[in-house]
Amino acid sequence: MVKRLAGVVLAICFAVGVAYGGVSGYQDLTRFLVNLPGWTAGRPEGVNMEGPQGGVVTATRSYKRGNQSLTATIMVGNSAMMAWASFQMGMTVETPEVLIKTIS
């Protein structure tokens, strides 16, 4: 049985503070989520979060090509490193329907 690629998570994490990185909101990050040749891109989305441990800005965009899908995520902010910790070691999730890998 051939396993189809149902999802790939690409997370790019910058360990800089939101204010110091010159990022005022997720709209600033969506420009990096470009169209990919041969893929149909969804609308970029994002979240601006602030909490006691610092802030994080996340921008996400999904792509489809046939029965394949790809989700790209960019995270910036003080809390980004904590959110990124589990992915730093090359986490992979694999089921008969889904393959999720981190790329850094």
PDB file of N, CA and C in Angstrom:
ATOM      1  N   MET A   1       0.847  -1.188   0.000  1.00  0.00           N
ATOM      2  CA  MET A   1       0.000   0.000   0.000  1.00  0.00           C
ATOM      3  C   MET A   1       0.887   1.244   0.000  1.00  0.00           C
ATOM      4  N   VAL A   2       0.632   2.118  -0.919  1.00  0.00           N
ATOM      5  CA  VAL A   2       1.404   3.354  -1.002  1.00  0.00           C
ATOM      6  C   VAL A   2       0.798   4.376  -0.054  1.00  0.00           C
ATOM      7  N   LYS A   3       1.635   4.934   0.761  1.00  0.00           N
ATOM      8  CA  LYS A   3       1.173   5.940   1.724  1.00  0.00           C
ATOM      9  C   LYS A   3       1.154   7.301   1.054  1.00  0.00           C
ATOM     10  N   ARG A   4       0.000   7.942   1.058  1.00  0.00           N
ATOM     11  CA  ARG A   4      -0.065   9.265   0.447  1.00  0.00           C
ATOM     12  C   ARG A   4       0.361  10.310   1.463  1.00  0.00           C
ATOM     13  N   LEU A   5       0.958  11.334   0.967  1.00  0.00           N
ATOM     14  CA  LEU A   5       1.394  12.439   1.810  1.00  0.00           C
ATOM     15  C   LEU A   5       0.196  13.328   2.070  1.00  0.00           C
ATOM     16  N   ALA A   6      -0.301  13.296   3.302  1.00  0.00           N
ATOM     17  CA  ALA A   6      -1.493  14.066   3.634  1.00  0.00           C
ATOM     18  C   ALA A   6      -1.154  15.373   4.314  1.00  0.00           C
ATOM     19  N   GLY A   7      -0.003  15.456   4.887  1.00  0.00           N
ATOM     20  CA  GLY A   7       0.327  16.718   5.543  1.00  0.00           C
ATOM     21  C   GLY A   7       1.791  16.817   5.879  1.00  0.00           C
ATOM     22  N   VAL A   8       2.314  17.971   5.743  1.00  0.00           N
ATOM     23  CA  VAL A   8       3.677  18.269   6.156  1.00  0.00           C
ATOM     24  C   VAL A   8       3.614  19.589   6.890  1.00  0.00           C
ATOM     25  N   VAL A   9       4.215  19.622   8.044  1.00  0.00           N
ATOM     26  CA  VAL A   9       4.243  20.872   8.793  1.00  0.00           C
ATOM     27  C   VAL A   9       5.632  21.458   8.666  1.00  0.00           C
ATOM     28  N   LEU A  10       5.679  22.635   8.150  1.00  0.00           N
ATOM     29  CA  LEU A  10       6.941  23.353   8.046  1.00  0.00           C
ATOM     30  C   LEU A  10       6.871  24.492   9.047  1.00  0.00           C
ATOM     31  N   ALA A  11       7.713  24.420  10.056  1.00  0.00           N
ATOM     32  CA  ALA A  11       7.693  25.469  11.066  1.00  0.00           C
ATOM     33  C   ALA A  11       9.035  26.174  11.069  1.00  0.00           C
ATOM     34  N   ILE A  12       8.989  27.444  10.930  1.00  0.00           N
ATOM     35  CA  ILE A  12      10.194  28.253  10.996  1.00  0.00           C
ATOM     36  C   ILE A  12      10.071  29.104  12.248  1.00  0.00           C
ATOM     37  N   CYS A  13      11.007  28.938  13.142  1.00  0.00           N
ATOM     38  CA  CYS A  13      10.882  29.592  14.439  1.00  0.00           C
ATOM     39  C   CYS A  13      12.048  30.549  14.648  1.00  0.00           C
ATOM     40  N   PHE A  14      11.760  31.779  14.957  1.00  0.00           N
ATOM     41  CA  PHE A  14      12.777  32.779  15.217  1.00  0.00           C
ATOM     42  C   PHE A  14      12.744  33.125  16.701  1.00  0.00           C
ATOM     43  N   ALA A  15      13.881  33.025  17.361  1.00  0.00           N
ATOM     44  CA  ALA A  15      13.942  33.287  18.798  1.00  0.00           C
ATOM     45  C   ALA A  15      14.221  34.759  19.062  1.00  0.00           C
ATOM     46  N   VAL A  16      13.361  35.577  18.584  1.00  0.00           N
ATOM     47  CA  VAL A  16      13.482  37.013  18.820  1.00  0.00           C
ATOM     48  C   VAL A  16      12.169  37.514  19.378  1.00  0.00           C
ATOM     49  N   GLY A  17      12.234  38.558  20.125  1.00  0.00           N
ATOM     50  CA  GLY A  17      11.018  39.160  20.640  1.00  0.00           C
ATOM     51  C   GLY A  17      10.227  39.805  19.523  1.00  0.00           C
ATOM     52  N   VAL A  18       8.929  39.825  19.686  1.00  0.00           N
ATOM     53  CA  VAL A  18       8.076  40.410  18.659  1.00  0.00           C
ATOM     54  C   VAL A  18       8.464  41.861  18.404  1.00  0.00           C
ATOM     55  N   ALA A  19       8.640  42.633  19.443  1.00  0.00           N
ATOM     56  CA  ALA A  19       8.984  44.048  19.270  1.00  0.00           C
ATOM     57  C   ALA A  19      10.366  44.209  18.648  1.00  0.00           C
ATOM     58  N   TYR A  20      11.309  43.372  19.062  1.00  0.00           N
ATOM     59  CA  TYR A  20      12.679  43.484  18.556  1.00  0.00           C
ATOM     60  C   TYR A  20      12.809  42.976  17.136  1.00  0.00           C
ATOM     61  N   GLY A  21      11.940  42.082  16.726  1.00  0.00           N
ATOM     62  CA  GLY A  21      12.011  41.542  15.376  1.00  0.00           C
ATOM     63  C   GLY A  21      11.353  42.430  14.344  1.00  0.00           C
ATOM     64  N   GLY A  22      10.747  43.527  14.775  1.00  0.00           N
ATOM     65  CA  GLY A  22      10.096  44.426  13.838  1.00  0.00           C
ATOM     66  C   GLY A  22       8.789  43.883  13.290  1.00  0.00           C
ATOM     67  N   VAL A  23       8.209  42.919  13.992  1.00  0.00           N
ATOM     68  CA  VAL A  23       6.953  42.315  13.553  1.00  0.00           C
ATOM     69  C   VAL A  23       5.836  42.880  14.414  1.00  0.00           C
ATOM     70  N   SER A  24       4.892  43.563  13.785  1.00  0.00           N
ATOM     71  CA  SER A  24       3.793  44.144  14.554  1.00  0.00           C
ATOM     72  C   SER A  24       2.589  43.218  14.607  1.00  0.00           C
ATOM     73  N   GLY A  25       2.530  42.232  13.731  1.00  0.00           N
ATOM     74  CA  GLY A  25       1.413  41.291  13.717  1.00  0.00           C
ATOM     75  C   GLY A  25       1.610  40.235  12.647  1.00  0.00           C
ATOM     76  N   TYR A  26       0.709  39.260  12.638  1.00  0.00           N
ATOM     77  CA  TYR A  26       0.856  38.148  11.699  1.00  0.00           C
ATOM     78  C   TYR A  26       0.807  38.596  10.241  1.00  0.00           C
ATOM     79  N   GLN A  27       0.179  39.736   9.977  1.00  0.00           N
ATOM     80  CA  GLN A  27       0.128  40.237   8.604  1.00  0.00           C
ATOM     81  C   GLN A  27       1.535  40.492   8.056  1.00  0.00           C
ATOM     82  N   ASP A  28       2.467  40.865   8.928  1.00  0.00           N
ATOM     83  CA  ASP A  28       3.851  41.084   8.500  1.00  0.00           C
ATOM     84  C   ASP A  28       4.519  39.786   8.048  1.00  0.00           C
ATOM     85  N   LEU A  29       4.089  38.656   8.598  1.00  0.00           N
ATOM     86  CA  LEU A  29       4.706  37.369   8.272  1.00  0.00           C
ATOM     87  C   LEU A  29       4.091  36.693   7.056  1.00  0.00           C
ATOM     88  N   THR A  30       2.845  37.014   6.744  1.00  0.00           N
ATOM     89  CA  THR A  30       2.171  36.314   5.646  1.00  0.00           C
ATOM     90  C   THR A  30       2.843  36.550   4.297  1.00  0.00           C
ATOM     91  N   ARG A  31       3.599  37.622   4.152  1.00  0.00           N
ATOM     92  CA  ARG A  31       4.285  37.877   2.875  1.00  0.00           C
ATOM     93  C   ARG A  31       5.341  36.818   2.574  1.00  0.00           C
ATOM     94  N   PHE A  32       5.805  36.095   3.599  1.00  0.00           N
ATOM     95  CA  PHE A  32       6.787  35.029   3.397  1.00  0.00           C
ATOM     96  C   PHE A  32       6.134  33.711   2.987  1.00  0.00           C
ATOM     97  N   LEU A  33       4.822  33.625   3.106  1.00  0.00           N
ATOM     98  CA  LEU A  33       4.081  32.414   2.731  1.00  0.00           C
ATOM     99  C   LEU A  33       3.629  32.576   1.287  1.00  0.00           C
ATOM    100  N   VAL A  34       4.549  32.384   0.384  1.00  0.00           N
ATOM    101  CA  VAL A  34       4.357  32.678  -1.039  1.00  0.00           C
ATOM    102  C   VAL A  34       3.596  31.557  -1.746  1.00  0.00           C
ATOM    103  N   ASN A  35       3.143  31.838  -2.964  1.00  0.00           N
ATOM    104  CA  ASN A  35       2.539  30.806  -3.806  1.00  0.00           C
ATOM    105  C   ASN A  35       3.621  29.823  -4.223  1.00  0.00           C
ATOM    106  N   LEU A  36       3.270  28.535  -4.258  1.00  0.00           N
ATOM    107  CA  LEU A  36       4.200  27.488  -4.668  1.00  0.00           C
ATOM    108  C   LEU A  36       3.786  26.966  -6.034  1.00  0.00           C
ATOM    109  N   PRO A  37       4.704  26.895  -6.987  1.00  0.00           N
ATOM    110  CA  PRO A  37       4.359  26.404  -8.324  1.00  0.00           C
ATOM    111  C   PRO A  37       3.760  24.996  -8.260  1.00  0.00           C
ATOM    112  N   GLY A  38       2.622  24.816  -8.925  1.00  0.00           N
ATOM    113  CA  GLY A  38       1.964  23.520  -8.962  1.00  0.00           C
ATOM    114  C   GLY A  38       1.043  23.234  -7.785  1.00  0.00           C
ATOM    115  N   TRP A  39       0.982  24.119  -6.821  1.00  0.00           N
ATOM    116  CA  TRP A  39       0.141  23.948  -5.633  1.00  0.00           C
ATOM    117  C   TRP A  39      -0.936  25.030  -5.617  1.00  0.00           C
ATOM    118  N   THR A  40      -2.107  24.689  -5.081  1.00  0.00           N
ATOM    119  CA  THR A  40      -3.173  25.654  -4.852  1.00  0.00           C
ATOM    120  C   THR A  40      -3.056  26.126  -3.411  1.00  0.00           C
ATOM    121  N   ALA A  41      -2.879  27.427  -3.228  1.00  0.00           N
ATOM    122  CA  ALA A  41      -2.661  27.986  -1.895  1.00  0.00           C
ATOM    123  C   ALA A  41      -3.964  28.484  -1.299  1.00  0.00           C
ATOM    124  N   GLY A  42      -4.133  28.227  -0.003  1.00  0.00           N
ATOM    125  CA  GLY A  42      -5.252  28.793   0.736  1.00  0.00           C
ATOM    126  C   GLY A  42      -4.919  30.212   1.164  1.00  0.00           C
ATOM    127  N   ARG A  43      -5.861  30.836   1.826  1.00  0.00           N
ATOM    128  CA  ARG A  43      -5.657  32.204   2.315  1.00  0.00           C
ATOM    129  C   ARG A  43      -4.755  32.162   3.555  1.00  0.00           C
ATOM    130  N   PRO A  44      -3.724  33.000   3.621  1.00  0.00           N
ATOM    131  CA  PRO A  44      -2.882  33.035   4.821  1.00  0.00           C
ATOM    132  C   PRO A  44      -3.703  33.461   6.032  1.00  0.00           C
ATOM    133  N   GLU A  45      -3.416  32.830   7.169  1.00  0.00           N
ATOM    134  CA  GLU A  45      -4.099  33.153   8.420  1.00  0.00           C
ATOM    135  C   GLU A  45      -3.051  33.352   9.497  1.00  0.00           C
ATOM    136  N   GLY A  46      -3.455  33.923  10.608  1.00  0.00           N
ATOM    137  CA  GLY A  46      -2.493  34.121  11.676  1.00  0.00           C
ATOM    138  C   GLY A  46      -3.124  34.475  12.995  1.00  0.00           C
ATOM    139  N   VAL A  47      -2.254  34.535  14.005  1.00  0.00           N
ATOM    140  CA  VAL A  47      -2.676  34.842  15.369  1.00  0.00           C
ATOM    141  C   VAL A  47      -1.591  35.695  16.016  1.00  0.00           C
ATOM    142  N   ASN A  48      -2.012  36.705  16.753  1.00  0.00           N
ATOM    143  CA  ASN A  48      -1.129  37.499  17.606  1.00  0.00           C
ATOM    144  C   ASN A  48      -1.500  37.169  19.046  1.00  0.00           C
ATOM    145  N   MET A  49      -0.555  36.631  19.829  1.00  0.00           N
ATOM    146  CA  MET A  49      -0.842  36.258  21.217  1.00  0.00           C
ATOM    147  C   MET A  49       0.148  36.936  22.151  1.00  0.00           C
ATOM    148  N   GLU A  50      -0.334  37.340  23.305  1.00  0.00           N
ATOM    149  CA  GLU A  50       0.509  37.951  24.321  1.00  0.00           C
ATOM    150  C   GLU A  50       0.127  37.348  25.661  1.00  0.00           C
ATOM    151  N   GLY A  51       1.128  36.963  26.452  1.00  0.00           N
ATOM    152  CA  GLY A  51       0.866  36.380  27.760  1.00  0.00           C
ATOM    153  C   GLY A  51       1.986  36.697  28.725  1.00  0.00           C
ATOM    154  N   PRO A  52       1.906  36.126  29.944  1.00  0.00           N
ATOM    155  CA  PRO A  52       2.907  36.418  30.968  1.00  0.00           C
ATOM    156  C   PRO A  52       4.327  36.006  30.573  1.00  0.00           C
ATOM    157  N   GLN A  53       4.465  34.993  29.731  1.00  0.00           N
ATOM    158  CA  GLN A  53       5.783  34.521  29.303  1.00  0.00           C
ATOM    159  C   GLN A  53       6.288  35.236  28.054  1.00  0.00           C
ATOM    160  N   GLY A  54       5.529  36.182  27.552  1.00  0.00           N
ATOM    161  CA  GLY A  54       5.920  36.913  26.351  1.00  0.00           C
ATOM    162  C   GLY A  54       4.919  36.702  25.241  1.00  0.00           C
ATOM    163  N   GLY A  55       5.225  37.258  24.100  1.00  0.00           N
ATOM    164  CA  GLY A  55       4.298  37.180  22.978  1.00  0.00           C
ATOM    165  C   GLY A  55       4.776  36.233  21.904  1.00  0.00           C
ATOM    166  N   VAL A  56       3.857  35.855  21.048  1.00  0.00           N
ATOM    167  CA  VAL A  56       4.173  35.043  19.883  1.00  0.00           C
ATOM    168  C   VAL A  56       3.229  35.446  18.758  1.00  0.00           C
ATOM    169  N   VAL A  57       3.770  35.533  17.562  1.00  0.00           N
ATOM    170  CA  VAL A  57       2.989  35.825  16.363  1.00  0.00           C
ATOM    171  C   VAL A  57       3.140  34.620  15.453  1.00  0.00           C
ATOM    172  N   THR A  58       2.014  34.101  14.966  1.00  0.00           N
ATOM    173  CA  THR A  58       2.019  32.912  14.119  1.00  0.00           C
ATOM    174  C   THR A  58       1.271  33.206  12.831  1.00  0.00           C
ATOM    175  N   ALA A  59       1.882  32.855  11.701  1.00  0.00           N
ATOM    176  CA  ALA A  59       1.231  32.959  10.391  1.00  0.00           C
ATOM    177  C   ALA A  59       1.245  31.574   9.752  1.00  0.00           C
ATOM    178  N   THR A  60       0.123  31.179   9.152  1.00  0.00           N
ATOM    179  CA  THR A  60      -0.030  29.842   8.582  1.00  0.00           C
ATOM    180  C   THR A  60      -0.691  29.933   7.217  1.00  0.00           C
ATOM    181  N   ARG A  61      -0.282  29.041   6.321  1.00  0.00           N
ATOM    182  CA  ARG A  61      -0.924  28.942   5.014  1.00  0.00           C
ATOM    183  C   ARG A  61      -0.923  27.482   4.584  1.00  0.00           C
ATOM    184  N   SER A  62      -2.051  27.035   4.050  1.00  0.00           N
ATOM    185  CA  SER A  62      -2.183  25.655   3.582  1.00  0.00           C
ATOM    186  C   SER A  62      -2.105  25.611   2.065  1.00  0.00           C
ATOM    187  N   TYR A  63      -1.570  24.513   1.565  1.00  0.00           N
ATOM    188  CA  TYR A  63      -1.407  24.301   0.128  1.00  0.00           C
ATOM    189  C   TYR A  63      -1.929  22.914  -0.227  1.00  0.00           C
ATOM    190  N   LYS A  64      -2.474  22.759  -1.438  1.00  0.00           N
ATOM    191  CA  LYS A  64      -2.962  21.464  -1.915  1.00  0.00           C
ATOM    192  C   LYS A  64      -2.482  21.224  -3.335  1.00  0.00           C
ATOM    193  N   ARG A  65      -2.189  19.947  -3.615  1.00  0.00           N
ATOM    194  CA  ARG A  65      -1.846  19.511  -4.966  1.00  0.00           C
ATOM    195  C   ARG A  65      -2.354  18.076  -5.086  1.00  0.00           C
ATOM    196  N   GLY A  66      -3.451  17.906  -5.819  1.00  0.00           N
ATOM    197  CA  GLY A  66      -4.062  16.582  -5.910  1.00  0.00           C
ATOM    198  C   GLY A  66      -4.517  16.120  -4.540  1.00  0.00           C
ATOM    199  N   ASN A  67      -4.060  14.928  -4.113  1.00  0.00           N
ATOM    200  CA  ASN A  67      -4.442  14.424  -2.793  1.00  0.00           C
ATOM    201  C   ASN A  67      -3.388  14.744  -1.734  1.00  0.00           C
ATOM    202  N   GLN A  68      -2.436  15.605  -2.062  1.00  0.00           N
ATOM    203  CA  GLN A  68      -1.409  16.011  -1.113  1.00  0.00           C
ATOM    204  C   GLN A  68      -1.756  17.366  -0.515  1.00  0.00           C
ATOM    205  N   SER A  69      -1.347  17.561   0.723  1.00  0.00           N
ATOM    206  CA  SER A  69      -1.538  18.866   1.357  1.00  0.00           C
ATOM    207  C   SER A  69      -0.300  19.222   2.158  1.00  0.00           C
ATOM    208  N   LEU A  70      -0.074  20.510   2.297  1.00  0.00           N
ATOM    209  CA  LEU A  70       1.083  21.032   2.992  1.00  0.00           C
ATOM    210  C   LEU A  70       0.631  22.235   3.800  1.00  0.00           C
ATOM    211  N   THR A  71       1.106  22.339   5.036  1.00  0.00           N
ATOM    212  CA  THR A  71       0.824  23.503   5.858  1.00  0.00           C
ATOM    213  C   THR A  71       2.143  24.117   6.286  1.00  0.00           C
ATOM    214  N   ALA A  72       2.332  25.390   5.989  1.00  0.00           N
ATOM    215  CA  ALA A  72       3.543  26.112   6.380  1.00  0.00           C
ATOM    216  C   ALA A  72       3.187  27.071   7.506  1.00  0.00           C
ATOM    217  N   THR A  73       4.013  27.081   8.559  1.00  0.00           N
ATOM    218  CA  THR A  73       3.775  27.933   9.718  1.00  0.00           C
ATOM    219  C   THR A  73       5.051  28.681  10.062  1.00  0.00           C
ATOM    220  N   ILE A  74       4.921  29.971  10.322  1.00  0.00           N
ATOM    221  CA  ILE A  74       6.041  30.794  10.782  1.00  0.00           C
ATOM    222  C   ILE A  74       5.668  31.321  12.163  1.00  0.00           C
ATOM    223  N   MET A  75       6.580  31.147  13.131  1.00  0.00           N
ATOM    224  CA  MET A  75       6.359  31.622  14.499  1.00  0.00           C
ATOM    225  C   MET A  75       7.472  32.589  14.878  1.00  0.00           C
ATOM    226  N   VAL A  76       7.104  33.705  15.475  1.00  0.00           N
ATOM    227  CA  VAL A  76       8.070  34.701  15.928  1.00  0.00           C
ATOM    228  C   VAL A  76       7.649  35.165  17.310  1.00  0.00           C
ATOM    229  N   GLY A  77       8.625  35.367  18.199  1.00  0.00           N
ATOM    230  CA  GLY A  77       8.313  35.930  19.503  1.00  0.00           C
ATOM    231  C   GLY A  77       8.994  35.201  20.639  1.00  0.00           C
ATOM    232  N   ASN A  78       8.888  35.780  21.828  1.00  0.00           N
ATOM    233  CA  ASN A  78       9.528  35.213  23.009  1.00  0.00           C
ATOM    234  C   ASN A  78       9.043  33.802  23.313  1.00  0.00           C
ATOM    235  N   SER A  79       7.782  33.538  23.123  1.00  0.00           N
ATOM    236  CA  SER A  79       7.217  32.225  23.435  1.00  0.00           C
ATOM    237  C   SER A  79       7.422  31.209  22.322  1.00  0.00           C
ATOM    238  N   ALA A  80       7.957  31.642  21.194  1.00  0.00           N
ATOM    239  CA  ALA A  80       8.127  30.738  20.056  1.00  0.00           C
ATOM    240  C   ALA A  80       9.070  29.588  20.379  1.00  0.00           C
ATOM    241  N   MET A  81      10.129  29.845  21.125  1.00  0.00           N
ATOM    242  CA  MET A  81      11.077  28.777  21.453  1.00  0.00           C
ATOM    243  C   MET A  81      10.422  27.692  22.301  1.00  0.00           C
ATOM    244  N   MET A  82       9.565  28.071  23.237  1.00  0.00           N
ATOM    245  CA  MET A  82       8.866  27.067  24.044  1.00  0.00           C
ATOM    246  C   MET A  82       7.922  26.247  23.176  1.00  0.00           C
ATOM    247  N   ALA A  83       7.226  26.906  22.278  1.00  0.00           N
ATOM    248  CA  ALA A  83       6.304  26.203  21.390  1.00  0.00           C
ATOM    249  C   ALA A  83       7.067  25.298  20.424  1.00  0.00           C
ATOM    250  N   TRP A  84       8.260  25.683  20.060  1.00  0.00           N
ATOM    251  CA  TRP A  84       9.069  24.963  19.082  1.00  0.00           C
ATOM    252  C   TRP A  84       9.810  23.769  19.687  1.00  0.00           C
ATOM    253  N   ALA A  85       9.972  23.719  21.013  1.00  0.00           N
ATOM    254  CA  ALA A  85      10.825  22.727  21.669  1.00  0.00           C
ATOM    255  C   ALA A  85      10.541  21.290  21.230  1.00  0.00           C
ATOM    256  N   SER A  86       9.285  20.884  21.174  1.00  0.00           N
ATOM    257  CA  SER A  86       8.980  19.498  20.805  1.00  0.00           C
ATOM    258  C   SER A  86       9.293  19.205  19.347  1.00  0.00           C
ATOM    259  N   PHE A  87       9.314  20.227  18.512  1.00  0.00           N
ATOM    260  CA  PHE A  87       9.598  20.037  17.092  1.00  0.00           C
ATOM    261  C   PHE A  87      11.094  20.084  16.781  1.00  0.00           C
ATOM    262  N   GLN A  88      11.899  20.646  17.683  1.00  0.00           N
ATOM    263  CA  GLN A  88      13.319  20.847  17.423  1.00  0.00           C
ATOM    264  C   GLN A  88      14.068  19.553  17.180  1.00  0.00           C
ATOM    265  N   MET A  89      13.601  18.473  17.729  1.00  0.00           N
ATOM    266  CA  MET A  89      14.325  17.218  17.619  1.00  0.00           C
ATOM    267  C   MET A  89      13.897  16.402  16.408  1.00  0.00           C
ATOM    268  N   GLY A  90      13.267  17.032  15.445  1.00  0.00           N
ATOM    269  CA  GLY A  90      12.895  16.331  14.222  1.00  0.00           C
ATOM    270  C   GLY A  90      11.696  15.421  14.393  1.00  0.00           C
ATOM    271  N   MET A  91      10.680  15.888  15.086  1.00  0.00           N
ATOM    272  CA  MET A  91       9.487  15.100  15.350  1.00  0.00           C
ATOM    273  C   MET A  91       8.823  14.650  14.053  1.00  0.00           C
ATOM    274  N   THR A  92       8.397  13.393  14.022  1.00  0.00           N
ATOM    275  CA  THR A  92       7.657  12.840  12.896  1.00  0.00           C
ATOM    276  C   THR A  92       6.437  12.104  13.430  1.00  0.00           C
ATOM    277  N   VAL A  93       5.284  12.327  12.815  1.00  0.00           N
ATOM    278  CA  VAL A  93       4.052  11.603  13.135  1.00  0.00           C
ATOM    279  C   VAL A  93       3.623  10.906  11.857  1.00  0.00           C
ATOM    280  N   GLU A  94       3.376   9.591  11.941  1.00  0.00           N
ATOM    281  CA  GLU A  94       3.042   8.835  10.741  1.00  0.00           C
ATOM    282  C   GLU A  94       1.903   7.866  11.031  1.00  0.00           C
ATOM    283  N   THR A  95       0.856   7.934  10.202  1.00  0.00           N
ATOM    284  CA  THR A  95      -0.259   6.995  10.242  1.00  0.00           C
ATOM    285  C   THR A  95      -0.469   6.502   8.812  1.00  0.00           C
ATOM    286  N   PRO A  96      -1.384   5.548   8.588  1.00  0.00           N
ATOM    287  CA  PRO A  96      -1.631   5.116   7.210  1.00  0.00           C
ATOM    288  C   PRO A  96      -2.105   6.248   6.295  1.00  0.00           C
ATOM    289  N   GLU A  97      -2.729   7.283   6.854  1.00  0.00           N
ATOM    290  CA  GLU A  97      -3.260   8.373   6.041  1.00  0.00           C
ATOM    291  C   GLU A  97      -2.433   9.645   6.076  1.00  0.00           C
ATOM    292  N   VAL A  98      -1.614   9.836   7.108  1.00  0.00           N
ATOM    293  CA  VAL A  98      -0.965  11.127   7.329  1.00  0.00           C
ATOM    294  C   VAL A  98       0.523  10.948   7.614  1.00  0.00           C
ATOM    295  N   LEU A  99       1.318  11.844   7.063  1.00  0.00           N
ATOM    296  CA  LEU A  99       2.735  11.941   7.389  1.00  0.00           C
ATOM    297  C   LEU A  99       3.012  13.394   7.740  1.00  0.00           C
ATOM    298  N   ILE A 100       3.469  13.631   8.963  1.00  0.00           N
ATOM    299  CA  ILE A 100       3.793  14.977   9.419  1.00  0.00           C
ATOM    300  C   ILE A 100       5.256  14.983   9.821  1.00  0.00           C
ATOM    301  N   LYS A 101       6.030  15.891   9.236  1.00  0.00           N
ATOM    302  CA  LYS A 101       7.445  16.025   9.569  1.00  0.00           C
ATOM    303  C   LYS A 101       7.753  17.480   9.841  1.00  0.00           C
ATOM    304  N   THR A 102       8.748  17.692  10.670  1.00  0.00           N
ATOM    305  CA  THR A 102       9.232  19.052  10.866  1.00  0.00           C
ATOM    306  C   THR A 102      10.511  19.221  10.065  1.00  0.00           C
ATOM    307  N   ILE A 103      10.676  20.393   9.518  1.00  0.00           N
ATOM    308  CA  ILE A 103      11.847  20.724   8.722  1.00  0.00           C
ATOM    309  C   ILE A 103      12.411  22.012   9.287  1.00  0.00           C
ATOM    310  N   SER A 104      13.676  21.997   9.616  1.00  0.00           N
ATOM    311  CA  SER A 104      14.270  23.232  10.142  1.00  0.00           C
ATOM    312  C   SER A 104      15.564  23.533   9.445  1.00  0.00           C
TER     313      SER A 104
END
